[in-house]
Amino acid sequence: MNTDAWTAQLDRFERDLECPDASPWHPDPTLGPLPAHLLERARSIAARQLERTAQLRGELASTRAQLDAARLIPGRRTDDAAYVERDG
């Protein structure tokens, strides 16, 4: 049983919930099965990851809607006067 290695993996997953690591995660084939005493912690982390995923999907949908709305705003016309002279 590789408890220390599994604990390190779970620690990383928890850190990534707060501040995602830029490097991709790849499963470590040398870990072996998850020790039974870490199962509840792993389930808790997985549930929090699913909650964060749902939150990010909502934020992405909101951002897309804002971008779609911004695209409806007409751009600046180039045939308009750049300024208006008031004193002359």
PDB file of N, CA and C in Angstrom:
ATOM      1  N   MET A   1       0.841  -1.176   0.000  1.00  0.00           N
ATOM      2  CA  MET A   1       0.000   0.000   0.000  1.00  0.00           C
ATOM      3  C   MET A   1       0.894   1.249   0.000  1.00  0.00           C
ATOM      4  N   ASN A   2       0.617   2.188  -0.891  1.00  0.00           N
ATOM      5  CA  ASN A   2       1.432   3.378  -1.045  1.00  0.00           C
ATOM      6  C   ASN A   2       0.673   4.594  -0.520  1.00  0.00           C
ATOM      7  N   THR A   3       0.480   4.644   0.775  1.00  0.00           N
ATOM      8  CA  THR A   3      -0.322   5.700   1.398  1.00  0.00           C
ATOM      9  C   THR A   3       0.288   7.081   1.182  1.00  0.00           C
ATOM     10  N   ASP A   4       1.600   7.209   1.333  1.00  0.00           N
ATOM     11  CA  ASP A   4       2.232   8.525   1.178  1.00  0.00           C
ATOM     12  C   ASP A   4       2.052   9.077  -0.231  1.00  0.00           C
ATOM     13  N   ALA A   5       2.222   8.249  -1.234  1.00  0.00           N
ATOM     14  CA  ALA A   5       2.059   8.697  -2.617  1.00  0.00           C
ATOM     15  C   ALA A   5       0.610   9.078  -2.904  1.00  0.00           C
ATOM     16  N   TRP A   6      -0.336   8.275  -2.401  1.00  0.00           N
ATOM     17  CA  TRP A   6      -1.748   8.604  -2.591  1.00  0.00           C
ATOM     18  C   TRP A   6      -2.113   9.889  -1.850  1.00  0.00           C
ATOM     19  N   THR A   7      -1.584  10.064  -0.662  1.00  0.00           N
ATOM     20  CA  THR A   7      -1.846  11.291   0.092  1.00  0.00           C
ATOM     21  C   THR A   7      -1.321  12.497  -0.676  1.00  0.00           C
ATOM     22  N   ALA A   8      -0.149  12.373  -1.277  1.00  0.00           N
ATOM     23  CA  ALA A   8       0.408  13.464  -2.083  1.00  0.00           C
ATOM     24  C   ALA A   8      -0.488  13.774  -3.281  1.00  0.00           C
ATOM     25  N   GLN A   9      -1.027  12.730  -3.922  1.00  0.00           N
ATOM     26  CA  GLN A   9      -1.933  12.951  -5.053  1.00  0.00           C
ATOM     27  C   GLN A   9      -3.194  13.671  -4.609  1.00  0.00           C
ATOM     28  N   LEU A  10      -3.780  13.226  -3.506  1.00  0.00           N
ATOM     29  CA  LEU A  10      -4.996  13.872  -3.003  1.00  0.00           C
ATOM     30  C   LEU A  10      -4.714  15.309  -2.588  1.00  0.00           C
ATOM     31  N   ASP A  11      -3.542  15.550  -2.007  1.00  0.00           N
ATOM     32  CA  ASP A  11      -3.148  16.925  -1.663  1.00  0.00           C
ATOM     33  C   ASP A  11      -3.117  17.794  -2.911  1.00  0.00           C
ATOM     34  N   ARG A  12      -2.557  17.259  -3.995  1.00  0.00           N
ATOM     35  CA  ARG A  12      -2.495  18.024  -5.244  1.00  0.00           C
ATOM     36  C   ARG A  12      -3.897  18.333  -5.756  1.00  0.00           C
ATOM     37  N   PHE A  13      -4.779  17.338  -5.718  1.00  0.00           N
ATOM     38  CA  PHE A  13      -6.144  17.562  -6.193  1.00  0.00           C
ATOM     39  C   PHE A  13      -6.825  18.660  -5.385  1.00  0.00           C
ATOM     40  N   GLU A  14      -6.613  18.669  -4.081  1.00  0.00           N
ATOM     41  CA  GLU A  14      -7.205  19.710  -3.243  1.00  0.00           C
ATOM     42  C   GLU A  14      -6.612  21.077  -3.557  1.00  0.00           C
ATOM     43  N   ARG A  15      -5.306  21.150  -3.752  1.00  0.00           N
ATOM     44  CA  ARG A  15      -4.674  22.428  -4.115  1.00  0.00           C
ATOM     45  C   ARG A  15      -5.211  22.926  -5.450  1.00  0.00           C
ATOM     46  N   ASP A  16      -5.392  22.008  -6.397  1.00  0.00           N
ATOM     47  CA  ASP A  16      -5.880  22.392  -7.716  1.00  0.00           C
ATOM     48  C   ASP A  16      -7.298  22.958  -7.681  1.00  0.00           C
ATOM     49  N   LEU A  17      -8.068  22.593  -6.670  1.00  0.00           N
ATOM     50  CA  LEU A  17      -9.408  23.175  -6.532  1.00  0.00           C
ATOM     51  C   LEU A  17      -9.316  24.663  -6.224  1.00  0.00           C
ATOM     52  N   GLU A  18      -8.299  25.063  -5.490  1.00  0.00           N
ATOM     53  CA  GLU A  18      -8.119  26.461  -5.109  1.00  0.00           C
ATOM     54  C   GLU A  18      -7.296  27.236  -6.139  1.00  0.00           C
ATOM     55  N   CYS A  19      -6.246  26.618  -6.629  1.00  0.00           N
ATOM     56  CA  CYS A  19      -5.332  27.263  -7.566  1.00  0.00           C
ATOM     57  C   CYS A  19      -4.826  26.203  -8.538  1.00  0.00           C
ATOM     58  N   PRO A  20      -5.472  26.067  -9.681  1.00  0.00           N
ATOM     59  CA  PRO A  20      -5.112  24.978 -10.595  1.00  0.00           C
ATOM     60  C   PRO A  20      -3.649  25.013 -11.015  1.00  0.00           C
ATOM     61  N   ASP A  21      -3.069  23.840 -11.065  1.00  0.00           N
ATOM     62  CA  ASP A  21      -1.700  23.663 -11.525  1.00  0.00           C
ATOM     63  C   ASP A  21      -1.720  23.742 -13.048  1.00  0.00           C
ATOM     64  N   ALA A  22      -0.773  24.462 -13.618  1.00  0.00           N
ATOM     65  CA  ALA A  22      -0.731  24.618 -15.074  1.00  0.00           C
ATOM     66  C   ALA A  22      -0.306  23.337 -15.785  1.00  0.00           C
ATOM     67  N   SER A  23       0.362  22.460 -15.077  1.00  0.00           N
ATOM     68  CA  SER A  23       0.814  21.233 -15.722  1.00  0.00           C
ATOM     69  C   SER A  23      -0.294  20.187 -15.693  1.00  0.00           C
ATOM     70  N   PRO A  24      -0.435  19.439 -16.780  1.00  0.00           N
ATOM     71  CA  PRO A  24      -1.494  18.421 -16.811  1.00  0.00           C
ATOM     72  C   PRO A  24      -1.198  17.289 -15.840  1.00  0.00           C
ATOM     73  N   TRP A  25      -2.265  16.695 -15.329  1.00  0.00           N
ATOM     74  CA  TRP A  25      -2.117  15.565 -14.430  1.00  0.00           C
ATOM     75  C   TRP A  25      -2.208  14.283 -15.232  1.00  0.00           C
ATOM     76  N   HIS A  26      -1.333  13.358 -14.921  1.00  0.00           N
ATOM     77  CA  HIS A  26      -1.357  12.032 -15.543  1.00  0.00           C
ATOM     78  C   HIS A  26      -1.363  11.004 -14.422  1.00  0.00           C
ATOM     79  N   PRO A  27      -2.206  10.000 -14.538  1.00  0.00           N
ATOM     80  CA  PRO A  27      -2.240   8.978 -13.490  1.00  0.00           C
ATOM     81  C   PRO A  27      -0.881   8.294 -13.337  1.00  0.00           C
ATOM     82  N   ASP A  28      -0.534   8.008 -12.121  1.00  0.00           N
ATOM     83  CA  ASP A  28       0.716   7.320 -11.820  1.00  0.00           C
ATOM     84  C   ASP A  28       0.419   5.827 -11.711  1.00  0.00           C
ATOM     85  N   PRO A  29       0.865   5.047 -12.685  1.00  0.00           N
ATOM     86  CA  PRO A  29       0.533   3.612 -12.671  1.00  0.00           C
ATOM     87  C   PRO A  29       1.205   2.853 -11.526  1.00  0.00           C
ATOM     88  N   THR A  30       2.158   3.468 -10.858  1.00  0.00           N
ATOM     89  CA  THR A  30       2.846   2.773  -9.765  1.00  0.00           C
ATOM     90  C   THR A  30       2.129   2.926  -8.430  1.00  0.00           C
ATOM     91  N   LEU A  31       1.074   3.736  -8.388  1.00  0.00           N
ATOM     92  CA  LEU A  31       0.382   3.968  -7.114  1.00  0.00           C
ATOM     93  C   LEU A  31      -0.324   2.727  -6.591  1.00  0.00           C
ATOM     94  N   GLY A  32      -0.865   1.963  -7.473  1.00  0.00           N
ATOM     95  CA  GLY A  32      -1.660   0.828  -7.023  1.00  0.00           C
ATOM     96  C   GLY A  32      -3.037   1.297  -6.587  1.00  0.00           C
ATOM     97  N   PRO A  33      -3.813   0.420  -5.971  1.00  0.00           N
ATOM     98  CA  PRO A  33      -5.176   0.797  -5.570  1.00  0.00           C
ATOM     99  C   PRO A  33      -5.168   1.822  -4.439  1.00  0.00           C
ATOM    100  N   LEU A  34      -6.219   2.600  -4.392  1.00  0.00           N
ATOM    101  CA  LEU A  34      -6.389   3.601  -3.345  1.00  0.00           C
ATOM    102  C   LEU A  34      -6.590   2.887  -2.002  1.00  0.00           C
ATOM    103  N   PRO A  35      -5.812   3.256  -0.996  1.00  0.00           N
ATOM    104  CA  PRO A  35      -6.017   2.647   0.323  1.00  0.00           C
ATOM    105  C   PRO A  35      -7.416   2.958   0.850  1.00  0.00           C
ATOM    106  N   ALA A  36      -8.040   2.004   1.466  1.00  0.00           N
ATOM    107  CA  ALA A  36      -9.428   2.130   1.934  1.00  0.00           C
ATOM    108  C   ALA A  36      -9.617   3.312   2.873  1.00  0.00           C
ATOM    109  N   HIS A  37      -8.629   3.616   3.715  1.00  0.00           N
ATOM    110  CA  HIS A  37      -8.798   4.707   4.674  1.00  0.00           C
ATOM    111  C   HIS A  37      -8.753   6.086   4.013  1.00  0.00           C
ATOM    112  N   LEU A  38      -8.394   6.157   2.715  1.00  0.00           N
ATOM    113  CA  LEU A  38      -8.392   7.429   1.985  1.00  0.00           C
ATOM    114  C   LEU A  38      -9.606   7.577   1.072  1.00  0.00           C
ATOM    115  N   LEU A  39     -10.470   6.579   1.057  1.00  0.00           N
ATOM    116  CA  LEU A  39     -11.614   6.567   0.143  1.00  0.00           C
ATOM    117  C   LEU A  39     -12.562   7.736   0.372  1.00  0.00           C
ATOM    118  N   GLU A  40     -12.913   8.019   1.614  1.00  0.00           N
ATOM    119  CA  GLU A  40     -13.848   9.120   1.892  1.00  0.00           C
ATOM    120  C   GLU A  40     -13.254  10.465   1.476  1.00  0.00           C
ATOM    121  N   ARG A  41     -11.975  10.643   1.727  1.00  0.00           N
ATOM    122  CA  ARG A  41     -11.315  11.889   1.309  1.00  0.00           C
ATOM    123  C   ARG A  41     -11.350  12.009  -0.207  1.00  0.00           C
ATOM    124  N   ALA A  42     -11.058  10.931  -0.905  1.00  0.00           N
ATOM    125  CA  ALA A  42     -11.083  10.952  -2.369  1.00  0.00           C
ATOM    126  C   ALA A  42     -12.482  11.256  -2.892  1.00  0.00           C
ATOM    127  N   ARG A  43     -13.510  10.675  -2.276  1.00  0.00           N
ATOM    128  CA  ARG A  43     -14.893  10.958  -2.690  1.00  0.00           C
ATOM    129  C   ARG A  43     -15.259  12.423  -2.461  1.00  0.00           C
ATOM    130  N   SER A  44     -14.815  12.970  -1.341  1.00  0.00           N
ATOM    131  CA  SER A  44     -15.076  14.376  -1.036  1.00  0.00           C
ATOM    132  C   SER A  44     -14.422  15.289  -2.073  1.00  0.00           C
ATOM    133  N   ILE A  45     -13.191  14.994  -2.424  1.00  0.00           N
ATOM    134  CA  ILE A  45     -12.480  15.789  -3.431  1.00  0.00           C
ATOM    135  C   ILE A  45     -13.183  15.676  -4.781  1.00  0.00           C
ATOM    136  N   ALA A  46     -13.595  14.462  -5.158  1.00  0.00           N
ATOM    137  CA  ALA A  46     -14.287  14.264  -6.434  1.00  0.00           C
ATOM    138  C   ALA A  46     -15.593  15.064  -6.476  1.00  0.00           C
ATOM    139  N   ALA A  47     -16.326  15.085  -5.367  1.00  0.00           N
ATOM    140  CA  ALA A  47     -17.578  15.849  -5.314  1.00  0.00           C
ATOM    141  C   ALA A  47     -17.298  17.341  -5.464  1.00  0.00           C
ATOM    142  N   ARG A  48     -16.253  17.823  -4.811  1.00  0.00           N
ATOM    143  CA  ARG A  48     -15.888  19.240  -4.925  1.00  0.00           C
ATOM    144  C   ARG A  48     -15.415  19.581  -6.334  1.00  0.00           C
ATOM    145  N   GLN A  49     -14.735  18.641  -6.990  1.00  0.00           N
ATOM    146  CA  GLN A  49     -14.327  18.867  -8.373  1.00  0.00           C
ATOM    147  C   GLN A  49     -15.548  18.995  -9.282  1.00  0.00           C
ATOM    148  N   LEU A  50     -16.555  18.157  -9.059  1.00  0.00           N
ATOM    149  CA  LEU A  50     -17.783  18.243  -9.860  1.00  0.00           C
ATOM    150  C   LEU A  50     -18.498  19.570  -9.627  1.00  0.00           C
ATOM    151  N   GLU A  51     -18.538  20.030  -8.371  1.00  0.00           N
ATOM    152  CA  GLU A  51     -19.144  21.329  -8.073  1.00  0.00           C
ATOM    153  C   GLU A  51     -18.388  22.455  -8.778  1.00  0.00           C
ATOM    154  N   ARG A  52     -17.078  22.400  -8.750  1.00  0.00           N
ATOM    155  CA  ARG A  52     -16.253  23.433  -9.396  1.00  0.00           C
ATOM    156  C   ARG A  52     -16.453  23.400 -10.908  1.00  0.00           C
ATOM    157  N   THR A  53     -16.561  22.205 -11.472  1.00  0.00           N
ATOM    158  CA  THR A  53     -16.806  22.079 -12.908  1.00  0.00           C
ATOM    159  C   THR A  53     -18.135  22.735 -13.286  1.00  0.00           C
ATOM    160  N   ALA A  54     -19.174  22.500 -12.495  1.00  0.00           N
ATOM    161  CA  ALA A  54     -20.479  23.120 -12.761  1.00  0.00           C
ATOM    162  C   ALA A  54     -20.380  24.638 -12.645  1.00  0.00           C
ATOM    163  N   GLN A  55     -19.651  25.118 -11.658  1.00  0.00           N
ATOM    164  CA  GLN A  55     -19.471  26.562 -11.489  1.00  0.00           C
ATOM    165  C   GLN A  55     -18.754  27.156 -12.703  1.00  0.00           C
ATOM    166  N   LEU A  56     -17.704  26.496 -13.159  1.00  0.00           N
ATOM    167  CA  LEU A  56     -16.957  26.997 -14.321  1.00  0.00           C
ATOM    168  C   LEU A  56     -17.807  26.979 -15.579  1.00  0.00           C
ATOM    169  N   ARG A  57     -18.652  25.962 -15.728  1.00  0.00           N
ATOM    170  CA  ARG A  57     -19.550  25.923 -16.892  1.00  0.00           C
ATOM    171  C   ARG A  57     -20.511  27.111 -16.867  1.00  0.00           C
ATOM    172  N   GLY A  58     -21.028  27.438 -15.690  1.00  0.00           N
ATOM    173  CA  GLY A  58     -21.907  28.594 -15.561  1.00  0.00           C
ATOM    174  C   GLY A  58     -21.193  29.887 -15.892  1.00  0.00           C
ATOM    175  N   GLU A  59     -19.964  30.026 -15.407  1.00  0.00           N
ATOM    176  CA  GLU A  59     -19.178  31.226 -15.704  1.00  0.00           C
ATOM    177  C   GLU A  59     -18.873  31.324 -17.195  1.00  0.00           C
ATOM    178  N   LEU A  60     -18.582  30.190 -17.822  1.00  0.00           N
ATOM    179  CA  LEU A  60     -18.319  30.184 -19.256  1.00  0.00           C
ATOM    180  C   LEU A  60     -19.561  30.600 -20.039  1.00  0.00           C
ATOM    181  N   ALA A  61     -20.726  30.094 -19.657  1.00  0.00           N
ATOM    182  CA  ALA A  61     -21.969  30.468 -20.339  1.00  0.00           C
ATOM    183  C   ALA A  61     -22.241  31.960 -20.178  1.00  0.00           C
ATOM    184  N   SER A  62     -22.001  32.489 -18.990  1.00  0.00           N
ATOM    185  CA  SER A  62     -22.202  33.916 -18.753  1.00  0.00           C
ATOM    186  C   SER A  62     -21.240  34.754 -19.595  1.00  0.00           C
ATOM    187  N   THR A  63     -20.001  34.335 -19.669  1.00  0.00           N
ATOM    188  CA  THR A  63     -19.004  35.057 -20.469  1.00  0.00           C
ATOM    189  C   THR A  63     -19.379  35.031 -21.940  1.00  0.00           C
ATOM    190  N   ARG A  64     -19.825  33.870 -22.409  1.00  0.00           N
ATOM    191  CA  ARG A  64     -20.251  33.783 -23.816  1.00  0.00           C
ATOM    192  C   ARG A  64     -21.422  34.711 -24.099  1.00  0.00           C
ATOM    193  N   ALA A  65     -22.378  34.775 -23.172  1.00  0.00           N
ATOM    194  CA  ALA A  65     -23.535  35.658 -23.353  1.00  0.00           C
ATOM    195  C   ALA A  65     -23.100  37.117 -23.399  1.00  0.00           C
ATOM    196  N   GLN A  66     -22.157  37.481 -22.539  1.00  0.00           N
ATOM    197  CA  GLN A  66     -21.660  38.863 -22.538  1.00  0.00           C
ATOM    198  C   GLN A  66     -20.926  39.185 -23.838  1.00  0.00           C
ATOM    199  N   LEU A  67     -20.146  38.236 -24.336  1.00  0.00           N
ATOM    200  CA  LEU A  67     -19.453  38.456 -25.609  1.00  0.00           C
ATOM    201  C   LEU A  67     -20.442  38.579 -26.760  1.00  0.00           C
ATOM    202  N   ASP A  68     -21.480  37.742 -26.744  1.00  0.00           N
ATOM    203  CA  ASP A  68     -22.510  37.837 -27.787  1.00  0.00           C
ATOM    204  C   ASP A  68     -23.188  39.202 -27.737  1.00  0.00           C
ATOM    205  N   ALA A  69     -23.484  39.698 -26.547  1.00  0.00           N
ATOM    206  CA  ALA A  69     -24.103  41.020 -26.410  1.00  0.00           C
ATOM    207  C   ALA A  69     -23.156  42.116 -26.889  1.00  0.00           C
ATOM    208  N   ALA A  70     -21.890  41.995 -26.572  1.00  0.00           N
ATOM    209  CA  ALA A  70     -20.912  43.003 -26.992  1.00  0.00           C
ATOM    210  C   ALA A  70     -20.778  43.047 -28.510  1.00  0.00           C
ATOM    211  N   ARG A  71     -20.944  41.903 -29.146  1.00  0.00           N
ATOM    212  CA  ARG A  71     -20.855  41.867 -30.614  1.00  0.00           C
ATOM    213  C   ARG A  71     -22.014  42.607 -31.274  1.00  0.00           C
ATOM    214  N   LEU A  72     -23.112  42.816 -30.556  1.00  0.00           N
ATOM    215  CA  LEU A  72     -24.267  43.531 -31.107  1.00  0.00           C
ATOM    216  C   LEU A  72     -24.063  45.040 -31.097  1.00  0.00           C
ATOM    217  N   ILE A  73     -23.104  45.522 -30.347  1.00  0.00           N
ATOM    218  CA  ILE A  73     -22.832  46.958 -30.291  1.00  0.00           C
ATOM    219  C   ILE A  73     -22.121  47.353 -31.574  1.00  0.00           C
ATOM    220  N   PRO A  74     -22.696  48.314 -32.283  1.00  0.00           N
ATOM    221  CA  PRO A  74     -22.060  48.695 -33.551  1.00  0.00           C
ATOM    222  C   PRO A  74     -20.688  49.322 -33.298  1.00  0.00           C
ATOM    223  N   GLY A  75     -19.797  49.075 -34.218  1.00  0.00           N
ATOM    224  CA  GLY A  75     -18.454  49.654 -34.137  1.00  0.00           C
ATOM    225  C   GLY A  75     -18.491  51.131 -34.483  1.00  0.00           C
ATOM    226  N   ARG A  76     -17.393  51.774 -34.276  1.00  0.00           N
ATOM    227  CA  ARG A  76     -17.292  53.203 -34.580  1.00  0.00           C
ATOM    228  C   ARG A  76     -17.322  53.394 -36.090  1.00  0.00           C
ATOM    229  N   ARG A  77     -18.128  54.336 -36.495  1.00  0.00           N
ATOM    230  CA  ARG A  77     -18.220  54.648 -37.922  1.00  0.00           C
ATOM    231  C   ARG A  77     -17.024  55.489 -38.313  1.00  0.00           C
ATOM    232  N   THR A  78     -16.437  55.197 -39.438  1.00  0.00           N
ATOM    233  CA  THR A  78     -15.257  55.943 -39.881  1.00  0.00           C
ATOM    234  C   THR A  78     -15.618  57.184 -40.690  1.00  0.00           C
ATOM    235  N   ASP A  79     -16.890  57.338 -41.068  1.00  0.00           N
ATOM    236  CA  ASP A  79     -17.268  58.506 -41.861  1.00  0.00           C
ATOM    237  C   ASP A  79     -17.772  59.660 -40.992  1.00  0.00           C
ATOM    238  N   ASP A  80     -17.797  59.508 -39.686  1.00  0.00           N
ATOM    239  CA  ASP A  80     -18.203  60.577 -38.779  1.00  0.00           C
ATOM    240  C   ASP A  80     -17.034  61.513 -38.527  1.00  0.00           C
ATOM    241  N   ALA A  81     -17.359  62.737 -38.140  1.00  0.00           N
ATOM    242  CA  ALA A  81     -16.318  63.695 -37.765  1.00  0.00           C
ATOM    243  C   ALA A  81     -15.613  63.205 -36.506  1.00  0.00           C
ATOM    244  N   ALA A  82     -14.321  63.422 -36.467  1.00  0.00           N
ATOM    245  CA  ALA A  82     -13.546  62.982 -35.312  1.00  0.00           C
ATOM    246  C   ALA A  82     -13.715  63.953 -34.153  1.00  0.00           C
ATOM    247  N   TYR A  83     -14.058  65.234 -34.438  1.00  0.00           N
ATOM    248  CA  TYR A  83     -14.264  66.219 -33.391  1.00  0.00           C
ATOM    249  C   TYR A  83     -15.171  67.308 -33.946  1.00  0.00           C
ATOM    250  N   VAL A  84     -15.676  68.128 -33.060  1.00  0.00           N
ATOM    251  CA  VAL A  84     -16.527  69.249 -33.442  1.00  0.00           C
ATOM    252  C   VAL A  84     -15.889  70.516 -32.901  1.00  0.00           C
ATOM    253  N   GLU A  85     -15.665  71.497 -33.780  1.00  0.00           N
ATOM    254  CA  GLU A  85     -15.065  72.753 -33.356  1.00  0.00           C
ATOM    255  C   GLU A  85     -16.163  73.672 -32.856  1.00  0.00           C
ATOM    256  N   ARG A  86     -16.030  74.154 -31.619  1.00  0.00           N
ATOM    257  CA  ARG A  86     -17.070  74.992 -31.012  1.00  0.00           C
ATOM    258  C   ARG A  86     -16.784  76.481 -31.174  1.00  0.00           C
ATOM    259  N   ASP A  87     -15.557  76.856 -31.382  1.00  0.00           N
ATOM    260  CA  ASP A  87     -15.182  78.290 -31.382  1.00  0.00           C
ATOM    261  C   ASP A  87     -14.896  78.798 -32.790  1.00  0.00           C
ATOM    262  N   GLY A  88     -15.653  78.529 -33.698  1.00  0.00           N
ATOM    263  CA  GLY A  88     -15.268  79.067 -34.993  1.00  0.00           C
ATOM    264  C   GLY A  88     -16.194  78.764 -36.020  1.00  0.00           C
TER     265      GLY A  88
END
